[in-house]
Amino acid sequence: MTPLDKPLRREVQIGDEVYTLTLDPEGLKLVPKGKRNGVTLKWARTRFLHSG
């Protein structure tokens, strides 16, 4: 498996909207294409989502 040691960017379409999804060692970020601000989720915070 390849380590995630630098940002990985992909364009995704959700409904009619196009977003840029960035995965990096710190977490993920989903931003509407052409914008700067979006949703950020840090990996350290995701542990609580799985703690049942």
C-alpha atoms as a PDB file:
ATOM      1  CA  MET A   1       0.000   0.000   0.000  1.00  0.00           C
ATOM      2  CA  THR A   2       1.265   3.506  -0.829  1.00  0.00           C
ATOM      3  CA  PRO A   3       1.698   5.860   2.156  1.00  0.00           C
ATOM      4  CA  LEU A   4      -0.202   9.149   2.080  1.00  0.00           C
ATOM      5  CA  ASP A   5       2.773  11.472   2.497  1.00  0.00           C
ATOM      6  CA  LYS A   6       1.655  14.372   0.279  1.00  0.00           C
ATOM      7  CA  PRO A   7      -1.724  15.853  -0.738  1.00  0.00           C
ATOM      8  CA  LEU A   8      -3.858  13.856  -3.152  1.00  0.00           C
ATOM      9  CA  ARG A   9      -6.436  15.960  -5.029  1.00  0.00           C
ATOM     10  CA  ARG A  10      -9.432  14.695  -6.963  1.00  0.00           C
ATOM     11  CA  GLU A  11     -12.415  16.367  -8.555  1.00  0.00           C
ATOM     12  CA  VAL A  12     -15.770  14.909  -7.517  1.00  0.00           C
ATOM     13  CA  GLN A  13     -19.296  15.711  -8.624  1.00  0.00           C
ATOM     14  CA  ILE A  14     -22.081  15.567  -6.056  1.00  0.00           C
ATOM     15  CA  GLY A  15     -25.423  16.219  -7.697  1.00  0.00           C
ATOM     16  CA  ASP A  16     -24.951  19.244  -9.936  1.00  0.00           C
ATOM     17  CA  GLU A  17     -22.029  20.645  -7.922  1.00  0.00           C
ATOM     18  CA  VAL A  18     -18.312  20.042  -8.615  1.00  0.00           C
ATOM     19  CA  TYR A  19     -15.898  19.860  -5.672  1.00  0.00           C
ATOM     20  CA  THR A  20     -12.194  19.406  -5.068  1.00  0.00           C
ATOM     21  CA  LEU A  21     -11.428  16.674  -2.529  1.00  0.00           C
ATOM     22  CA  THR A  22      -7.978  16.831  -0.942  1.00  0.00           C
ATOM     23  CA  LEU A  23      -6.614  13.977   1.172  1.00  0.00           C
ATOM     24  CA  ASP A  24      -3.395  14.560   3.104  1.00  0.00           C
ATOM     25  CA  PRO A  25      -1.659  13.198   6.203  1.00  0.00           C
ATOM     26  CA  GLU A  26      -3.663  15.619   8.406  1.00  0.00           C
ATOM     27  CA  GLY A  27      -7.158  14.786   7.111  1.00  0.00           C
ATOM     28  CA  LEU A  28      -9.467  15.624   4.222  1.00  0.00           C
ATOM     29  CA  LYS A  29     -10.968  18.796   2.764  1.00  0.00           C
ATOM     30  CA  LEU A  30     -13.971  19.159   0.463  1.00  0.00           C
ATOM     31  CA  VAL A  31     -14.228  22.537  -1.306  1.00  0.00           C
ATOM     32  CA  PRO A  32     -16.589  23.739  -4.041  1.00  0.00           C
ATOM     33  CA  LYS A  33     -14.528  24.046  -7.224  1.00  0.00           C
ATOM     34  CA  GLY A  34     -13.080  27.540  -7.633  1.00  0.00           C
ATOM     35  CA  LYS A  35     -13.555  28.433  -3.948  1.00  0.00           C
ATOM     36  CA  ARG A  36     -11.147  28.499  -1.007  1.00  0.00           C
ATOM     37  CA  ASN A  37     -13.341  27.591   1.940  1.00  0.00           C
ATOM     38  CA  GLY A  38     -14.950  24.242   2.470  1.00  0.00           C
ATOM     39  CA  VAL A  39     -15.339  21.426   4.956  1.00  0.00           C
ATOM     40  CA  THR A  40     -12.239  20.106   6.745  1.00  0.00           C
ATOM     41  CA  LEU A  41     -12.114  16.867   8.708  1.00  0.00           C
ATOM     42  CA  LYS A  42      -8.970  16.019  10.680  1.00  0.00           C
ATOM     43  CA  TRP A  43      -8.047  12.331  10.978  1.00  0.00           C
ATOM     44  CA  ALA A  44      -7.569  12.690  14.751  1.00  0.00           C
ATOM     45  CA  ARG A  45     -11.228  13.740  15.069  1.00  0.00           C
ATOM     46  CA  THR A  46     -12.549  10.792  13.052  1.00  0.00           C
ATOM     47  CA  ARG A  47     -11.590   8.335  15.814  1.00  0.00           C
ATOM     48  CA  PHE A  48     -14.609   9.565  17.777  1.00  0.00           C
ATOM     49  CA  LEU A  49     -16.939   8.712  14.892  1.00  0.00           C
ATOM     50  CA  HIS A  50     -15.993   5.041  15.230  1.00  0.00           C
ATOM     51  CA  SER A  51     -16.001   4.789  19.032  1.00  0.00           C
ATOM     52  CA  GLY A  52     -19.584   3.415  19.053  1.00  0.00           C
END
